[in-house]
Amino acid sequence: MKTFTQHTGLVVPLDLANVDTDQIIPKQFLKSIRRTGFGDHLFDSWRYHDEGDLDKSPNERDINHEFVLNVPRYQGASVLLARANFGCGSSREHAAWALDEYGIRCVVAPSFADIFFNNCFQNGLLPVVLPKDVVDRLFREVEDSPGYSLTVDLAAQEVRSPSGERYAFEIDGFRKQCLLKGIDEIGLTLADASAIRAYEARRRQEAPWLFQDSSTS
């Protein structure tokens, strides 16, 4: 998993509440069992006028040039500014995969759906909750300032605007450390692999009957 310590990136504003996971990555793209290939289809039904599939490249599509991700001033954005209840709907982890592969490193919103919020942390994507009035202000500033960027400092737990304003955010301590170190629960467990092997060896000596092959008994 990628580390997240501090990130400064161009902001793209998605001024819609209750964006669900089917809008983030539509159902026809869930056939793939890989964790790659979803970035081109992020917000697919809004980015394109035609219905896409996994075999169609963006160059073959009818692009919706009015959708915010296709607007030239937001090309290369890596911070997504969103409204309340972002990521609601089904629990598909592909939504976090699509955002990550597109290049989004952080999503800032007043609130998130619980499962999507958890999936972000499992995939190195930082969801930041800020008060609604702060998010409203950021939307206005992004609209008024082409090239508007935010700095998201996970270690300090704050978002910094170009004008120097600092907005603190809360985050679970365990999740914070996992992102700072770039490890998930599996990686955290494997860090104790030698202790696990030692325990298994000791248990084989203490209770050998637990490890007998039933086919030979």
C-alpha atoms as a PDB file:
ATOM      1  CA  MET A   1       0.000   0.000   0.000  1.00  0.00           C
ATOM      2  CA  LYS A   2       1.235   3.511  -0.789  1.00  0.00           C
ATOM      3  CA  THR A   3       2.277   5.753   2.063  1.00  0.00           C
ATOM      4  CA  PHE A   4       0.493   9.011   2.744  1.00  0.00           C
ATOM      5  CA  THR A   5       2.353  11.624   4.748  1.00  0.00           C
ATOM      6  CA  GLN A   6       1.801  15.024   3.154  1.00  0.00           C
ATOM      7  CA  HIS A   7       0.328  15.779  -0.237  1.00  0.00           C
ATOM      8  CA  THR A   8      -0.136  18.999  -2.183  1.00  0.00           C
ATOM      9  CA  GLY A   9      -2.365  18.730  -5.212  1.00  0.00           C
ATOM     10  CA  LEU A  10      -4.690  20.482  -7.617  1.00  0.00           C
ATOM     11  CA  VAL A  11      -8.306  20.358  -6.431  1.00  0.00           C
ATOM     12  CA  VAL A  12     -11.210  19.198  -8.602  1.00  0.00           C
ATOM     13  CA  PRO A  13     -14.671  20.109  -7.245  1.00  0.00           C
ATOM     14  CA  LEU A  14     -17.533  17.618  -7.588  1.00  0.00           C
ATOM     15  CA  ASP A  15     -20.487  19.697  -6.460  1.00  0.00           C
ATOM     16  CA  LEU A  16     -22.956  16.861  -5.838  1.00  0.00           C
ATOM     17  CA  ALA A  17     -24.194  15.259  -2.621  1.00  0.00           C
ATOM     18  CA  ASN A  18     -24.908  11.544  -2.131  1.00  0.00           C
ATOM     19  CA  VAL A  19     -22.557  10.362  -4.882  1.00  0.00           C
ATOM     20  CA  ASP A  20     -22.882   6.576  -4.771  1.00  0.00           C
ATOM     21  CA  THR A  21     -20.391   3.874  -5.686  1.00  0.00           C
ATOM     22  CA  ASP A  22     -22.246   2.988  -8.892  1.00  0.00           C
ATOM     23  CA  GLN A  23     -21.667   6.563 -10.053  1.00  0.00           C
ATOM     24  CA  ILE A  24     -18.015   6.371  -8.992  1.00  0.00           C
ATOM     25  CA  ILE A  25     -17.479   3.105 -10.927  1.00  0.00           C
ATOM     26  CA  PRO A  26     -20.520   1.707 -12.820  1.00  0.00           C
ATOM     27  CA  LYS A  27     -21.514  -1.931 -12.513  1.00  0.00           C
ATOM     28  CA  GLN A  28     -20.410  -3.048 -15.994  1.00  0.00           C
ATOM     29  CA  PHE A  29     -16.779  -2.592 -14.965  1.00  0.00           C
ATOM     30  CA  LEU A  30     -16.969  -4.921 -11.969  1.00  0.00           C
ATOM     31  CA  LYS A  31     -16.325  -8.017 -14.097  1.00  0.00           C
ATOM     32  CA  SER A  32     -12.575  -7.627 -13.707  1.00  0.00           C
ATOM     33  CA  ILE A  33     -10.944  -9.419 -10.767  1.00  0.00           C
ATOM     34  CA  ARG A  34      -7.811  -7.269 -11.044  1.00  0.00           C
ATOM     35  CA  ARG A  35      -7.246  -4.128  -8.997  1.00  0.00           C
ATOM     36  CA  THR A  36      -6.189  -2.191 -12.101  1.00  0.00           C
ATOM     37  CA  GLY A  37      -7.931  -0.844 -15.177  1.00  0.00           C
ATOM     38  CA  PHE A  38     -10.590   1.189 -13.375  1.00  0.00           C
ATOM     39  CA  GLY A  39      -9.099   4.697 -13.494  1.00  0.00           C
ATOM     40  CA  ASP A  40     -10.228   5.304 -17.074  1.00  0.00           C
ATOM     41  CA  HIS A  41     -13.794   4.554 -15.991  1.00  0.00           C
ATOM     42  CA  LEU A  42     -14.009   6.717 -12.878  1.00  0.00           C
ATOM     43  CA  PHE A  43     -17.391   8.527 -12.982  1.00  0.00           C
ATOM     44  CA  ASP A  44     -17.831   6.867 -16.375  1.00  0.00           C
ATOM     45  CA  SER A  45     -21.497   7.707 -16.944  1.00  0.00           C
ATOM     46  CA  TRP A  46     -20.724  11.394 -16.319  1.00  0.00           C
ATOM     47  CA  ARG A  47     -17.384  11.600 -18.148  1.00  0.00           C
ATOM     48  CA  TYR A  48     -18.740  10.091 -21.373  1.00  0.00           C
ATOM     49  CA  HIS A  49     -21.968  10.296 -23.374  1.00  0.00           C
ATOM     50  CA  ASP A  50     -21.776   6.666 -24.517  1.00  0.00           C
ATOM     51  CA  GLU A  51     -21.897   3.508 -22.411  1.00  0.00           C
ATOM     52  CA  GLY A  52     -18.456   2.049 -21.940  1.00  0.00           C
ATOM     53  CA  ASP A  53     -17.003  -1.364 -21.225  1.00  0.00           C
ATOM     54  CA  LEU A  54     -13.607  -2.712 -20.189  1.00  0.00           C
ATOM     55  CA  ASP A  55     -12.521  -3.192 -23.816  1.00  0.00           C
ATOM     56  CA  LYS A  56     -13.040   0.461 -24.823  1.00  0.00           C
ATOM     57  CA  SER A  57     -10.236   2.966 -24.345  1.00  0.00           C
ATOM     58  CA  PRO A  58     -11.031   6.627 -23.539  1.00  0.00           C
ATOM     59  CA  ASN A  59      -9.875   7.603 -27.044  1.00  0.00           C
ATOM     60  CA  GLU A  60     -12.763   5.582 -28.487  1.00  0.00           C
ATOM     61  CA  ARG A  61     -15.390   7.263 -26.315  1.00  0.00           C
ATOM     62  CA  ASP A  62     -17.781  10.174 -26.756  1.00  0.00           C
ATOM     63  CA  ILE A  63     -16.365  12.528 -24.118  1.00  0.00           C
ATOM     64  CA  ASN A  64     -18.609  14.849 -22.096  1.00  0.00           C
ATOM     65  CA  HIS A  65     -16.459  17.975 -22.137  1.00  0.00           C
ATOM     66  CA  GLU A  66     -18.714  19.741 -19.635  1.00  0.00           C
ATOM     67  CA  PHE A  67     -18.106  17.250 -16.821  1.00  0.00           C
ATOM     68  CA  VAL A  68     -15.696  18.658 -14.270  1.00  0.00           C
ATOM     69  CA  LEU A  69     -13.021  15.929 -14.640  1.00  0.00           C
ATOM     70  CA  ASN A  70     -12.828  16.710 -18.368  1.00  0.00           C
ATOM     71  CA  VAL A  71     -12.470  20.484 -17.944  1.00  0.00           C
ATOM     72  CA  PRO A  72      -8.900  21.533 -18.899  1.00  0.00           C
ATOM     73  CA  ARG A  73      -8.258  23.591 -15.734  1.00  0.00           C
ATOM     74  CA  TYR A  74      -8.745  20.476 -13.587  1.00  0.00           C
ATOM     75  CA  GLN A  75      -6.534  18.089 -15.534  1.00  0.00           C
ATOM     76  CA  GLY A  76      -4.001  16.426 -13.258  1.00  0.00           C
ATOM     77  CA  ALA A  77      -6.069  17.010 -10.123  1.00  0.00           C
ATOM     78  CA  SER A  78      -5.209  14.761  -7.185  1.00  0.00           C
ATOM     79  CA  VAL A  79      -7.525  16.142  -4.481  1.00  0.00           C
ATOM     80  CA  LEU A  80     -11.259  15.611  -4.912  1.00  0.00           C
ATOM     81  CA  LEU A  81     -13.575  18.072  -3.157  1.00  0.00           C
ATOM     82  CA  ALA A  82     -17.017  16.543  -2.650  1.00  0.00           C
ATOM     83  CA  ARG A  83     -20.298  17.031  -0.839  1.00  0.00           C
ATOM     84  CA  ALA A  84     -22.049  15.098   1.942  1.00  0.00           C
ATOM     85  CA  ASN A  85     -22.420  11.303   2.068  1.00  0.00           C
ATOM     86  CA  PHE A  86     -19.816  10.651  -0.598  1.00  0.00           C
ATOM     87  CA  GLY A  87     -19.450   6.955  -1.503  1.00  0.00           C
ATOM     88  CA  CYS A  88     -22.911   5.788  -0.448  1.00  0.00           C
ATOM     89  CA  GLY A  89     -24.592   2.751  -2.012  1.00  0.00           C
ATOM     90  CA  SER A  90     -23.062  -0.689  -2.485  1.00  0.00           C
ATOM     91  CA  SER A  91     -19.852  -1.755  -0.781  1.00  0.00           C
ATOM     92  CA  ARG A  92     -17.727  -2.216  -3.930  1.00  0.00           C
ATOM     93  CA  GLU A  93     -14.035  -1.703  -3.189  1.00  0.00           C
ATOM     94  CA  HIS A  94     -13.596  -0.907  -6.889  1.00  0.00           C
ATOM     95  CA  ALA A  95     -14.725   2.669  -6.104  1.00  0.00           C
ATOM     96  CA  ALA A  96     -11.575   3.307  -4.082  1.00  0.00           C
ATOM     97  CA  TRP A  97      -9.478   1.504  -6.716  1.00  0.00           C
ATOM     98  CA  ALA A  98     -10.862   3.736  -9.490  1.00  0.00           C
ATOM     99  CA  LEU A  99     -10.169   6.966  -7.589  1.00  0.00           C
ATOM    100  CA  ASP A 100      -6.658   5.836  -6.699  1.00  0.00           C
ATOM    101  CA  GLU A 101      -5.758   4.734 -10.212  1.00  0.00           C
ATOM    102  CA  TYR A 102      -7.108   7.969 -11.694  1.00  0.00           C
ATOM    103  CA  GLY A 103      -4.651   9.811  -9.462  1.00  0.00           C
ATOM    104  CA  ILE A 104      -6.811  10.999  -6.573  1.00  0.00           C
ATOM    105  CA  ARG A 105      -4.848  10.811  -3.313  1.00  0.00           C
ATOM    106  CA  CYS A 106      -7.340  12.519  -1.023  1.00  0.00           C
ATOM    107  CA  VAL A 107     -11.103  13.146  -0.919  1.00  0.00           C
ATOM    108  CA  VAL A 108     -12.365  16.056   1.173  1.00  0.00           C
ATOM    109  CA  ALA A 109     -16.054  16.092   2.118  1.00  0.00           C
ATOM    110  CA  PRO A 110     -18.403  16.898   5.023  1.00  0.00           C
ATOM    111  CA  SER A 111     -19.239  13.186   5.425  1.00  0.00           C
ATOM    112  CA  PHE A 112     -18.694   9.769   3.861  1.00  0.00           C
ATOM    113  CA  ALA A 113     -20.605   6.498   3.704  1.00  0.00           C
ATOM    114  CA  ASP A 114     -19.068   4.136   6.270  1.00  0.00           C
ATOM    115  CA  ILE A 115     -18.028   1.241   4.014  1.00  0.00           C
ATOM    116  CA  PHE A 116     -16.498   3.501   1.374  1.00  0.00           C
ATOM    117  CA  PHE A 117     -14.702   5.426   4.146  1.00  0.00           C
ATOM    118  CA  ASN A 118     -13.167   2.181   5.406  1.00  0.00           C
ATOM    119  CA  ASN A 119     -12.249   1.009   1.885  1.00  0.00           C
ATOM    120  CA  CYS A 120     -10.279   4.201   1.297  1.00  0.00           C
ATOM    121  CA  PHE A 121      -7.928   3.449   4.171  1.00  0.00           C
ATOM    122  CA  GLN A 122      -7.413  -0.105   2.921  1.00  0.00           C
ATOM    123  CA  ASN A 123      -6.162   1.279  -0.395  1.00  0.00           C
ATOM    124  CA  GLY A 124      -3.930   4.182   0.631  1.00  0.00           C
ATOM    125  CA  LEU A 125      -6.545   6.831  -0.130  1.00  0.00           C
ATOM    126  CA  LEU A 126      -7.151   9.475   2.563  1.00  0.00           C
ATOM    127  CA  PRO A 127     -10.756  10.576   3.226  1.00  0.00           C
ATOM    128  CA  VAL A 128     -10.823  13.880   5.120  1.00  0.00           C
ATOM    129  CA  VAL A 129     -13.941  15.080   6.928  1.00  0.00           C
ATOM    130  CA  LEU A 130     -14.247  18.855   7.298  1.00  0.00           C
ATOM    131  CA  PRO A 131     -17.233  20.888   8.517  1.00  0.00           C
ATOM    132  CA  LYS A 132     -19.838  21.830   5.905  1.00  0.00           C
ATOM    133  CA  ASP A 133     -19.115  25.548   6.169  1.00  0.00           C
ATOM    134  CA  VAL A 134     -15.423  24.914   5.525  1.00  0.00           C
ATOM    135  CA  VAL A 135     -16.213  22.715   2.511  1.00  0.00           C
ATOM    136  CA  ASP A 136     -18.586  25.428   1.203  1.00  0.00           C
ATOM    137  CA  ARG A 137     -15.753  27.943   1.484  1.00  0.00           C
ATOM    138  CA  LEU A 138     -13.324  25.651  -0.333  1.00  0.00           C
ATOM    139  CA  PHE A 139     -15.804  25.186  -3.191  1.00  0.00           C
ATOM    140  CA  ARG A 140     -16.048  28.970  -3.584  1.00  0.00           C
ATOM    141  CA  GLU A 141     -12.275  29.383  -3.526  1.00  0.00           C
ATOM    142  CA  VAL A 142     -11.726  26.617  -6.095  1.00  0.00           C
ATOM    143  CA  GLU A 143     -14.297  28.198  -8.412  1.00  0.00           C
ATOM    144  CA  ASP A 144     -12.678  31.637  -8.116  1.00  0.00           C
ATOM    145  CA  SER A 145      -9.042  30.515  -8.390  1.00  0.00           C
ATOM    146  CA  PRO A 146      -7.806  28.459 -11.368  1.00  0.00           C
ATOM    147  CA  GLY A 147      -4.929  26.205 -10.317  1.00  0.00           C
ATOM    148  CA  TYR A 148      -6.216  26.059  -6.741  1.00  0.00           C
ATOM    149  CA  SER A 149      -4.296  23.507  -4.676  1.00  0.00           C
ATOM    150  CA  LEU A 150      -4.572  22.193  -1.141  1.00  0.00           C
ATOM    151  CA  THR A 151      -1.918  20.709   1.094  1.00  0.00           C
ATOM    152  CA  VAL A 152      -3.127  17.767   3.151  1.00  0.00           C
ATOM    153  CA  ASP A 153      -0.769  17.021   6.024  1.00  0.00           C
ATOM    154  CA  LEU A 154      -1.630  13.705   7.632  1.00  0.00           C
ATOM    155  CA  ALA A 155       1.051  13.904  10.323  1.00  0.00           C
ATOM    156  CA  ALA A 156      -0.243  17.301  11.477  1.00  0.00           C
ATOM    157  CA  GLN A 157      -3.868  16.348  10.726  1.00  0.00           C
ATOM    158  CA  GLU A 158      -4.615  19.558   8.880  1.00  0.00           C
ATOM    159  CA  VAL A 159      -5.554  20.879   5.458  1.00  0.00           C
ATOM    160  CA  ARG A 160      -3.828  24.084   4.347  1.00  0.00           C
ATOM    161  CA  SER A 161      -5.206  26.436   1.704  1.00  0.00           C
ATOM    162  CA  PRO A 162      -3.140  28.702  -0.583  1.00  0.00           C
ATOM    163  CA  SER A 163      -4.059  31.688   1.606  1.00  0.00           C
ATOM    164  CA  GLY A 164      -2.569  29.989   4.663  1.00  0.00           C
ATOM    165  CA  GLU A 165      -5.797  28.930   6.336  1.00  0.00           C
ATOM    166  CA  ARG A 166      -5.443  25.712   8.342  1.00  0.00           C
ATOM    167  CA  TYR A 167      -8.289  23.294   8.883  1.00  0.00           C
ATOM    168  CA  ALA A 168      -7.821  20.499  11.415  1.00  0.00           C
ATOM    169  CA  PHE A 169      -9.356  17.070  10.873  1.00  0.00           C
ATOM    170  CA  GLU A 170      -9.766  14.000  13.051  1.00  0.00           C
ATOM    171  CA  ILE A 171      -8.529  10.514  12.178  1.00  0.00           C
ATOM    172  CA  ASP A 172      -8.295   7.222  14.030  1.00  0.00           C
ATOM    173  CA  GLY A 173      -4.762   6.770  15.378  1.00  0.00           C
ATOM    174  CA  PHE A 174      -4.349   3.226  14.070  1.00  0.00           C
ATOM    175  CA  ARG A 175      -5.447   4.188  10.567  1.00  0.00           C
ATOM    176  CA  LYS A 176      -3.186   7.225  10.633  1.00  0.00           C
ATOM    177  CA  GLN A 177      -0.130   5.114  11.465  1.00  0.00           C
ATOM    178  CA  CYS A 178      -0.985   2.557   8.766  1.00  0.00           C
ATOM    179  CA  LEU A 179      -1.158   5.293   6.114  1.00  0.00           C
ATOM    180  CA  LEU A 180       2.011   6.975   7.330  1.00  0.00           C
ATOM    181  CA  LYS A 181       3.847   3.633   7.108  1.00  0.00           C
ATOM    182  CA  GLY A 182       2.071   2.424   3.965  1.00  0.00           C
ATOM    183  CA  ILE A 183       0.833  -0.833   5.475  1.00  0.00           C
ATOM    184  CA  ASP A 184      -2.580  -2.479   5.797  1.00  0.00           C
ATOM    185  CA  GLU A 185      -3.685  -5.073   8.382  1.00  0.00           C
ATOM    186  CA  ILE A 186      -1.994  -7.884   6.441  1.00  0.00           C
ATOM    187  CA  GLY A 187       1.270  -5.983   6.266  1.00  0.00           C
ATOM    188  CA  LEU A 188       1.000  -5.189   9.955  1.00  0.00           C
ATOM    189  CA  THR A 189       0.539  -8.890  10.735  1.00  0.00           C
ATOM    190  CA  LEU A 190       3.453  -9.928   8.514  1.00  0.00           C
ATOM    191  CA  ALA A 191       5.704  -7.560  10.440  1.00  0.00           C
ATOM    192  CA  ASP A 192       5.441 -10.119  13.261  1.00  0.00           C
ATOM    193  CA  ALA A 193       6.045 -13.127  10.978  1.00  0.00           C
ATOM    194  CA  SER A 194       9.017 -14.387  12.999  1.00  0.00           C
ATOM    195  CA  ALA A 195       7.010 -14.289  16.244  1.00  0.00           C
ATOM    196  CA  ILE A 196       4.130 -16.117  14.532  1.00  0.00           C
ATOM    197  CA  ARG A 197       6.464 -18.846  13.264  1.00  0.00           C
ATOM    198  CA  ALA A 198       7.999 -19.216  16.725  1.00  0.00           C
ATOM    199  CA  TYR A 199       4.544 -19.573  18.283  1.00  0.00           C
ATOM    200  CA  GLU A 200       3.519 -22.232  15.728  1.00  0.00           C
ATOM    201  CA  ALA A 201       6.727 -24.197  16.374  1.00  0.00           C
ATOM    202  CA  ARG A 202       6.136 -24.068  20.124  1.00  0.00           C
ATOM    203  CA  ARG A 203       2.523 -25.207  19.734  1.00  0.00           C
ATOM    204  CA  ARG A 204       3.661 -28.180  17.660  1.00  0.00           C
ATOM    205  CA  GLN A 205       5.772 -29.247  20.619  1.00  0.00           C
ATOM    206  CA  GLU A 206       3.106 -28.546  23.240  1.00  0.00           C
ATOM    207  CA  ALA A 207       0.118 -30.023  21.394  1.00  0.00           C
ATOM    208  CA  PRO A 208       1.330 -32.253  18.523  1.00  0.00           C
ATOM    209  CA  TRP A 209      -2.124 -33.835  18.137  1.00  0.00           C
ATOM    210  CA  LEU A 210      -3.445 -30.534  16.761  1.00  0.00           C
ATOM    211  CA  PHE A 211      -1.109 -30.841  13.794  1.00  0.00           C
ATOM    212  CA  GLN A 212      -1.624 -34.502  12.894  1.00  0.00           C
ATOM    213  CA  ASP A 213      -2.714 -35.270   9.364  1.00  0.00           C
ATOM    214  CA  SER A 214      -6.179 -36.826   9.694  1.00  0.00           C
ATOM    215  CA  SER A 215      -5.625 -38.870   6.536  1.00  0.00           C
ATOM    216  CA  THR A 216      -2.880 -40.884   8.255  1.00  0.00           C
ATOM    217  CA  SER A 217      -4.650 -41.483  11.576  1.00  0.00           C
END
